[in-house]
Amino acid sequence: MTLRDYDFHVFTDDETGTERVVHRDRSGGYGLLRLPASTPHTLPLPAAVERLNASFRQRYLFFTDPDTGCGRVLYRRYDGHLGLITPAW
């Protein structure tokens, strides 16, 4: 994570097959996120961009793509633009 321009890593849990995010929090520790089954985290990309842009304190948004059902991470890049991480498959 330290070699990238973001403080998280997306991976697929081998046991469950779901996407998870390990992230560095503001205190320097680490946390593990998984996508909840609730619908507020299922967003089309334009809605995810709108939600992330609505809060400049939020560094990234971990959400489910409604078309594929896979997790995605939309994040703020060091240059001020947004980046998107999607599964490779």
C-alpha atoms as a PDB file:
ATOM      1  CA  MET A   1       0.000   0.000   0.000  1.00  0.00           C
ATOM      2  CA  THR A   2       2.840   2.391   0.699  1.00  0.00           C
ATOM      3  CA  LEU A   3       4.020   2.195  -2.933  1.00  0.00           C
ATOM      4  CA  ARG A   4       0.627   3.264  -4.282  1.00  0.00           C
ATOM      5  CA  ASP A   5      -1.198   6.577  -4.067  1.00  0.00           C
ATOM      6  CA  TYR A   6      -3.899   5.150  -1.793  1.00  0.00           C
ATOM      7  CA  ASP A   7      -4.077   3.635   1.688  1.00  0.00           C
ATOM      8  CA  PHE A   8      -6.024   0.460   0.977  1.00  0.00           C
ATOM      9  CA  HIS A   9      -5.826  -2.865  -0.816  1.00  0.00           C
ATOM     10  CA  VAL A  10      -8.755  -4.713  -2.400  1.00  0.00           C
ATOM     11  CA  PHE A  11      -8.740  -8.497  -2.387  1.00  0.00           C
ATOM     12  CA  THR A  12     -11.089 -11.465  -2.673  1.00  0.00           C
ATOM     13  CA  ASP A  13     -11.604 -13.527   0.460  1.00  0.00           C
ATOM     14  CA  ASP A  14     -10.726 -17.144  -0.406  1.00  0.00           C
ATOM     15  CA  GLU A  15     -13.280 -18.575   2.015  1.00  0.00           C
ATOM     16  CA  THR A  16     -16.313 -16.525   1.005  1.00  0.00           C
ATOM     17  CA  GLY A  17     -15.400 -15.326  -2.492  1.00  0.00           C
ATOM     18  CA  THR A  18     -16.395 -11.754  -1.614  1.00  0.00           C
ATOM     19  CA  GLU A  19     -14.340  -8.629  -2.027  1.00  0.00           C
ATOM     20  CA  ARG A  20     -12.807  -7.025   1.038  1.00  0.00           C
ATOM     21  CA  VAL A  21     -10.663  -3.991   1.691  1.00  0.00           C
ATOM     22  CA  VAL A  22      -7.820  -3.674   4.151  1.00  0.00           C
ATOM     23  CA  HIS A  23      -7.161  -0.003   4.841  1.00  0.00           C
ATOM     24  CA  ARG A  24      -4.966   2.280   6.857  1.00  0.00           C
ATOM     25  CA  ASP A  25      -6.933   4.511   9.183  1.00  0.00           C
ATOM     26  CA  ARG A  26      -6.078   8.073  10.166  1.00  0.00           C
ATOM     27  CA  SER A  27      -4.337   6.927  13.365  1.00  0.00           C
ATOM     28  CA  GLY A  28      -1.900   4.730  11.394  1.00  0.00           C
ATOM     29  CA  GLY A  29      -3.577   1.424  12.246  1.00  0.00           C
ATOM     30  CA  TYR A  30      -5.262  -1.004   9.866  1.00  0.00           C
ATOM     31  CA  GLY A  31      -8.850  -2.113   9.429  1.00  0.00           C
ATOM     32  CA  LEU A  32     -10.749  -4.683   7.381  1.00  0.00           C
ATOM     33  CA  LEU A  33     -13.960  -3.876   5.504  1.00  0.00           C
ATOM     34  CA  ARG A  34     -16.422  -6.146   3.776  1.00  0.00           C
ATOM     35  CA  LEU A  35     -19.423  -5.173   1.710  1.00  0.00           C
ATOM     36  CA  PRO A  36     -22.645  -5.412   3.673  1.00  0.00           C
ATOM     37  CA  ALA A  37     -25.628  -7.045   2.026  1.00  0.00           C
ATOM     38  CA  SER A  38     -27.662  -3.860   2.382  1.00  0.00           C
ATOM     39  CA  THR A  39     -28.707  -1.990  -0.754  1.00  0.00           C
ATOM     40  CA  PRO A  40     -27.206   1.460   0.074  1.00  0.00           C
ATOM     41  CA  HIS A  41     -23.796   0.087  -0.914  1.00  0.00           C
ATOM     42  CA  THR A  42     -25.052  -1.034  -4.346  1.00  0.00           C
ATOM     43  CA  LEU A  43     -24.442   1.964  -6.579  1.00  0.00           C
ATOM     44  CA  PRO A  44     -23.990   2.664 -10.264  1.00  0.00           C
ATOM     45  CA  LEU A  45     -20.714   4.466 -10.940  1.00  0.00           C
ATOM     46  CA  PRO A  46     -22.232   7.953 -11.486  1.00  0.00           C
ATOM     47  CA  ALA A  47     -24.006   7.751  -8.107  1.00  0.00           C
ATOM     48  CA  ALA A  48     -20.777   6.592  -6.425  1.00  0.00           C
ATOM     49  CA  VAL A  49     -18.889   9.563  -7.915  1.00  0.00           C
ATOM     50  CA  GLU A  50     -21.605  11.905  -6.670  1.00  0.00           C
ATOM     51  CA  ARG A  51     -21.519  10.410  -3.179  1.00  0.00           C
ATOM     52  CA  LEU A  52     -17.705  10.600  -2.925  1.00  0.00           C
ATOM     53  CA  ASN A  53     -17.660  14.177  -4.230  1.00  0.00           C
ATOM     54  CA  ALA A  54     -20.295  15.182  -1.673  1.00  0.00           C
ATOM     55  CA  SER A  55     -17.849  14.534   1.172  1.00  0.00           C
ATOM     56  CA  PHE A  56     -14.324  15.825   0.700  1.00  0.00           C
ATOM     57  CA  ARG A  57     -13.225  14.225   3.975  1.00  0.00           C
ATOM     58  CA  GLN A  58     -14.012  10.750   2.636  1.00  0.00           C
ATOM     59  CA  ARG A  59     -10.935   9.312   0.916  1.00  0.00           C
ATOM     60  CA  TYR A  60     -12.602   6.394  -0.847  1.00  0.00           C
ATOM     61  CA  LEU A  61     -15.895   4.589  -1.325  1.00  0.00           C
ATOM     62  CA  PHE A  62     -16.199   0.789  -1.317  1.00  0.00           C
ATOM     63  CA  PHE A  63     -19.405  -0.218  -3.121  1.00  0.00           C
ATOM     64  CA  THR A  64     -21.052  -2.980  -5.146  1.00  0.00           C
ATOM     65  CA  ASP A  65     -21.557  -2.600  -8.889  1.00  0.00           C
ATOM     66  CA  PRO A  66     -25.248  -3.338  -9.603  1.00  0.00           C
ATOM     67  CA  ASP A  67     -24.496  -4.936 -12.996  1.00  0.00           C
ATOM     68  CA  THR A  68     -21.791  -7.385 -11.912  1.00  0.00           C
ATOM     69  CA  GLY A  69     -22.420  -7.727  -8.172  1.00  0.00           C
ATOM     70  CA  CYS A  70     -18.677  -7.242  -7.605  1.00  0.00           C
ATOM     71  CA  GLY A  71     -17.022  -4.808  -5.233  1.00  0.00           C
ATOM     72  CA  ARG A  72     -15.369  -1.654  -6.539  1.00  0.00           C
ATOM     73  CA  VAL A  73     -13.381   1.097  -4.889  1.00  0.00           C
ATOM     74  CA  LEU A  74     -13.617   4.688  -6.039  1.00  0.00           C
ATOM     75  CA  TYR A  75     -10.854   6.806  -4.488  1.00  0.00           C
ATOM     76  CA  ARG A  76      -9.276  10.238  -4.513  1.00  0.00           C
ATOM     77  CA  ARG A  77      -5.921  10.249  -6.254  1.00  0.00           C
ATOM     78  CA  TYR A  78      -2.986  12.340  -5.084  1.00  0.00           C
ATOM     79  CA  ASP A  79      -3.491  14.677  -8.089  1.00  0.00           C
ATOM     80  CA  GLY A  80      -7.104  15.421  -7.145  1.00  0.00           C
ATOM     81  CA  HIS A  81      -8.747  13.201  -9.747  1.00  0.00           C
ATOM     82  CA  LEU A  82     -10.710  10.033  -8.986  1.00  0.00           C
ATOM     83  CA  GLY A  83      -9.459   6.491  -9.541  1.00  0.00           C
ATOM     84  CA  LEU A  84     -11.486   3.286  -9.820  1.00  0.00           C
ATOM     85  CA  ILE A  85     -10.379  -0.192  -8.854  1.00  0.00           C
ATOM     86  CA  THR A  86     -12.396  -3.090 -10.240  1.00  0.00           C
ATOM     87  CA  PRO A  87     -11.898  -6.866 -10.169  1.00  0.00           C
ATOM     88  CA  ALA A  88      -9.675  -8.241 -12.911  1.00  0.00           C
ATOM     89  CA  TRP A  89     -12.114 -10.974 -13.882  1.00  0.00           C
END
